[in-house]
Amino acid sequence: MTAYYDIYSDLPTRVYEVWQRTKVQTSSPQQDFSVTAMLMAAAAGLAMPLENLKNQGIGNGTKWNEHPMFHRANQSAYQTVLKSCDDLFKQPIKTCQGLKAAVLLQCQELKGIRSAATTGQGDAVMDTAKYDVRFALKILRNSLAHNNILSIPDSGEIEKLAFFSISNWCPIKGQSEGWNVLIIPVQSFETFLSKWFELLRPAGGIQGAALAVAGETPPSRSLSQGTKK
């Protein structure tokens, strides 16, 4: 039987291990599920824990530090770390490890996203030095939750992934919504996700996650050193 300690100590570590095992089991290019496995790992190991990191622990009126899975957590330490997360998530996308090569676009219409992601030119190109990591994480979270993910190119080996999320931006008069599109090379996204899992561990916890997306390096510690049940 399986037993969890909490959603940070166990879930991300287990998701990471499943991801790594899938990567080494590829028998041929036709059976290469590495991108699929990476997206599954991102959905379970990034989007899910992220819900308890955003907005200093408060989302949609919910106090996440009262979450049932935090019943053994040090509440004071948790709030302190959440404040650190809020500060670090304000770092520019351009400086974040694994996101430095990302391209950020805006599109007026859903049907224009494929062309924009392929060419790297949407209705507006956004400077990643002017947008913070929290902005990118919101796009990633919404994209993973709603299956708004596009692989580039159309056929052959996947080179890039485009994550898109609805936005209240649109330059057309009388039209209120548009789309934010975050394009990341596959290898870069793997780097970003690996760093996330490396630091989202029992010893680093939430603070480790914040350091990961901010591109900073905390004291090293292998995932395998975490407590297993």
Protein backbone atom coordinates (compact mmCIF):
# COMPACT_ATOMS: atom_id res chain seq x y z
CA MET A 1 0.00 0.00 0.00
CA THR A 2 1.05 3.61 -0.59
CA ALA A 3 1.21 6.27 2.11
CA TYR A 4 1.87 9.98 1.58
CA TYR A 5 3.57 12.32 4.03
CA ASP A 6 2.38 15.52 2.34
CA ILE A 7 1.89 16.96 -1.14
CA TYR A 8 5.42 18.36 -1.30
CA SER A 9 7.53 15.64 0.33
CA ASP A 10 5.98 12.72 -1.48
CA LEU A 11 3.91 13.61 -4.53
CA PRO A 12 6.53 15.56 -6.53
CA THR A 13 9.25 13.02 -5.72
CA ARG A 14 7.08 10.10 -6.83
CA VAL A 15 6.03 11.89 -10.00
CA TYR A 16 9.68 12.61 -10.78
CA GLU A 17 10.63 8.96 -10.31
CA VAL A 18 7.82 7.78 -12.64
CA TRP A 19 9.00 10.31 -15.23
CA GLN A 20 12.62 9.12 -15.04
CA ARG A 21 11.65 5.46 -15.32
CA THR A 22 9.59 6.19 -18.41
CA LYS A 23 12.49 8.03 -20.03
CA VAL A 24 14.87 5.05 -19.77
CA GLN A 25 12.34 2.56 -21.10
CA THR A 26 12.24 3.98 -24.63
CA SER A 27 13.03 1.08 -26.98
CA SER A 28 12.95 2.90 -30.33
CA PRO A 29 12.19 6.30 -31.89
CA GLN A 30 8.70 5.00 -32.70
CA GLN A 31 8.16 4.18 -29.04
CA ASP A 32 9.63 7.41 -27.68
CA PHE A 33 7.11 8.76 -25.18
CA SER A 34 9.53 11.23 -23.58
CA VAL A 35 7.52 14.37 -24.37
CA THR A 36 4.25 12.73 -23.32
CA ALA A 37 5.83 11.60 -20.05
CA MET A 38 7.28 15.06 -19.47
CA LEU A 39 3.90 16.71 -19.91
CA MET A 40 2.30 14.18 -17.55
CA ALA A 41 5.01 14.94 -15.00
CA ALA A 42 4.41 18.68 -15.42
CA ALA A 43 0.66 18.29 -14.91
CA ALA A 44 1.02 16.25 -11.72
CA GLY A 45 4.26 17.63 -10.32
CA LEU A 46 4.11 21.29 -11.29
CA ALA A 47 0.51 22.37 -11.83
CA MET A 48 -0.85 20.57 -8.77
CA PRO A 49 1.68 21.80 -6.15
CA LEU A 50 1.64 25.26 -7.72
CA GLU A 51 -1.93 25.73 -6.53
CA ASN A 52 -0.57 25.93 -2.99
CA LEU A 53 2.23 28.35 -3.84
CA LYS A 54 0.51 31.22 -5.59
CA ASN A 55 -0.53 34.53 -4.06
CA GLN A 56 1.18 33.95 -0.72
CA GLY A 57 -0.99 30.95 0.03
CA ILE A 58 -4.33 32.51 -0.79
CA GLY A 59 -6.21 31.56 -3.93
CA ASN A 60 -9.89 32.13 -4.65
CA GLY A 61 -10.47 33.07 -1.02
CA THR A 62 -8.97 29.81 0.27
CA LYS A 63 -6.25 29.82 2.92
CA TRP A 64 -4.04 27.07 1.58
CA ASN A 65 -2.11 26.73 4.83
CA GLU A 66 -5.35 25.26 6.22
CA HIS A 67 -5.32 22.55 3.55
CA PRO A 68 -5.85 19.07 5.11
CA MET A 69 -2.53 17.84 3.71
CA PHE A 70 -0.66 20.52 5.69
CA HIS A 71 -1.86 19.29 9.07
CA ARG A 72 1.71 18.45 10.15
CA ALA A 73 3.33 21.56 8.68
CA ASN A 74 4.86 24.37 10.69
CA GLN A 75 2.41 27.16 9.93
CA SER A 76 4.79 30.00 10.76
CA ALA A 77 7.55 28.57 8.57
CA TYR A 78 5.05 27.93 5.79
CA GLN A 79 3.89 31.56 5.73
CA THR A 80 7.48 32.80 5.78
CA VAL A 81 8.34 30.63 2.79
CA LEU A 82 5.23 31.76 0.92
CA LYS A 83 6.41 35.35 1.26
CA SER A 84 9.79 34.31 -0.15
CA CYS A 85 7.98 32.63 -3.04
CA ASP A 86 6.06 35.80 -3.77
CA ASP A 87 9.29 37.80 -3.93
CA LEU A 88 11.11 35.26 -6.11
CA PHE A 89 8.25 34.73 -8.54
CA LYS A 90 8.66 38.40 -9.49
CA GLN A 91 11.97 37.61 -11.17
CA PRO A 92 12.01 38.12 -14.98
CA ILE A 93 11.30 35.11 -17.20
CA LYS A 94 14.47 36.01 -19.11
CA THR A 95 16.67 35.08 -16.13
CA CYS A 96 14.93 31.82 -15.18
CA GLN A 97 16.82 28.60 -15.74
CA GLY A 98 15.00 26.62 -18.42
CA LEU A 99 12.91 29.59 -19.55
CA LYS A 100 15.68 31.83 -20.89
CA ALA A 101 15.04 30.59 -24.44
CA ALA A 102 11.25 30.95 -24.16
CA VAL A 103 9.28 33.18 -26.54
CA LEU A 104 6.19 34.97 -25.28
CA LEU A 105 3.49 36.03 -27.75
CA GLN A 106 -0.05 37.30 -27.79
CA CYS A 107 -2.65 36.27 -30.37
CA GLN A 108 -6.03 37.78 -31.08
CA GLU A 109 -7.72 34.52 -32.07
CA LEU A 110 -7.35 30.84 -31.22
CA LYS A 111 -7.03 29.87 -34.88
CA GLY A 112 -3.94 32.04 -35.22
CA ILE A 113 -1.92 30.32 -32.49
CA ARG A 114 -0.47 27.51 -34.64
CA SER A 115 0.96 29.89 -37.22
CA ALA A 116 2.22 32.27 -34.53
CA ALA A 117 3.91 29.50 -32.56
CA THR A 118 5.53 28.07 -35.70
CA THR A 119 6.92 31.40 -36.91
CA GLY A 120 7.51 32.96 -33.50
CA GLN A 121 5.51 35.99 -34.57
CA GLY A 122 2.07 36.61 -33.10
CA ASP A 123 -0.06 39.74 -33.06
CA ALA A 124 2.35 40.99 -30.43
CA VAL A 125 5.75 39.74 -29.23
CA MET A 126 6.33 40.28 -25.53
CA ASP A 127 9.71 41.01 -23.95
CA THR A 128 10.43 38.19 -21.47
CA ALA A 129 12.67 40.57 -19.54
CA LYS A 130 9.58 42.60 -18.66
CA TYR A 131 7.35 39.73 -17.50
CA ASP A 132 7.92 37.74 -14.35
CA VAL A 133 8.10 34.02 -13.70
CA ARG A 134 4.67 34.10 -12.05
CA PHE A 135 3.21 35.24 -15.39
CA ALA A 136 4.80 32.26 -17.16
CA LEU A 137 3.65 29.85 -14.47
CA LYS A 138 0.04 31.00 -14.84
CA ILE A 139 0.21 30.22 -18.55
CA LEU A 140 1.77 26.82 -17.86
CA ARG A 141 -0.75 25.96 -15.18
CA ASN A 142 -3.77 26.95 -17.28
CA SER A 143 -2.40 25.23 -20.37
CA LEU A 144 -1.81 21.96 -18.51
CA ALA A 145 -5.23 22.13 -16.86
CA HIS A 146 -7.10 22.77 -20.12
CA ASN A 147 -4.94 20.76 -22.56
CA ASN A 148 -3.91 23.94 -24.39
CA ILE A 149 -0.59 22.56 -25.63
CA LEU A 150 0.77 22.56 -29.17
CA SER A 151 3.77 20.61 -30.42
CA ILE A 152 6.09 22.08 -33.06
CA PRO A 153 6.63 21.05 -35.85
CA ASP A 154 3.50 19.30 -37.11
CA SER A 155 5.33 16.05 -37.86
CA GLY A 156 8.60 14.38 -37.00
CA GLU A 157 10.59 14.95 -33.82
CA ILE A 158 9.04 17.51 -31.49
CA GLU A 159 11.33 20.51 -31.13
CA LYS A 160 9.20 22.97 -29.18
CA LEU A 161 6.08 23.11 -27.04
CA ALA A 162 3.65 26.01 -27.13
CA PHE A 163 1.50 26.56 -24.05
CA PHE A 164 -1.42 28.94 -24.51
CA SER A 165 -3.88 30.48 -22.11
CA ILE A 166 -6.81 32.86 -22.57
CA SER A 167 -6.09 36.48 -21.70
CA ASN A 168 -8.02 39.70 -21.29
CA TRP A 169 -5.64 41.27 -23.80
CA CYS A 170 -6.79 42.06 -27.33
CA PRO A 171 -6.05 45.07 -29.54
CA ILE A 172 -9.27 44.79 -31.55
CA LYS A 173 -11.86 47.36 -30.54
CA GLY A 174 -14.90 45.69 -29.04
CA GLN A 175 -13.13 42.35 -28.56
CA SER A 176 -12.16 41.70 -24.97
CA GLU A 177 -10.19 38.45 -25.07
CA GLY A 178 -7.05 37.15 -26.67
CA TRP A 179 -4.40 34.49 -25.95
CA ASN A 180 -1.01 34.45 -24.25
CA VAL A 181 1.35 31.94 -25.87
CA LEU A 182 4.56 30.67 -24.23
CA ILE A 183 6.86 28.75 -26.59
CA ILE A 184 9.63 26.67 -25.02
CA PRO A 185 12.18 24.34 -26.70
CA VAL A 186 11.69 20.77 -25.48
CA GLN A 187 15.18 20.53 -24.00
CA SER A 188 14.74 23.84 -22.21
CA PHE A 189 11.43 22.77 -20.72
CA GLU A 190 13.04 19.52 -19.55
CA THR A 191 15.74 21.58 -17.85
CA PHE A 192 13.14 23.78 -16.19
CA LEU A 193 11.04 20.83 -15.04
CA SER A 194 14.06 18.86 -13.80
CA LYS A 195 15.21 21.84 -11.77
CA TRP A 196 11.71 22.20 -10.31
CA PHE A 197 11.69 18.58 -9.16
CA GLU A 198 15.27 18.74 -7.92
CA LEU A 199 14.38 21.52 -5.53
CA LEU A 200 10.80 20.59 -4.65
CA ARG A 201 11.94 17.99 -2.16
CA PRO A 202 11.45 17.34 1.56
CA ALA A 203 14.43 19.47 2.61
CA GLY A 204 13.67 22.40 0.32
CA GLY A 205 9.91 22.19 0.15
CA ILE A 206 8.10 25.26 -1.10
CA GLN A 207 11.16 27.45 -0.81
CA GLY A 208 13.04 25.06 -3.08
CA ALA A 209 10.34 25.46 -5.71
CA ALA A 210 10.60 29.23 -5.56
CA LEU A 211 14.37 29.11 -5.98
CA ALA A 212 13.97 26.75 -8.94
CA VAL A 213 11.74 29.03 -10.96
CA ALA A 214 13.80 32.05 -10.00
CA GLY A 215 16.92 30.43 -11.43
CA GLU A 216 18.84 30.42 -8.18
CA THR A 217 20.83 27.52 -6.79
CA PRO A 218 20.22 26.35 -3.21
CA PRO A 219 22.41 23.76 -1.45
CA SER A 220 22.43 20.59 -3.58
CA ARG A 221 20.62 17.46 -2.52
CA SER A 222 19.53 14.50 -4.58
CA LEU A 223 15.88 13.59 -4.85
CA SER A 224 16.81 10.05 -3.90
CA GLN A 225 17.83 11.27 -0.46
CA GLY A 226 14.23 12.07 0.39
CA THR A 227 12.25 9.82 2.71
CA LYS A 228 10.36 7.07 0.85
CA LYS A 229 7.40 5.11 2.05
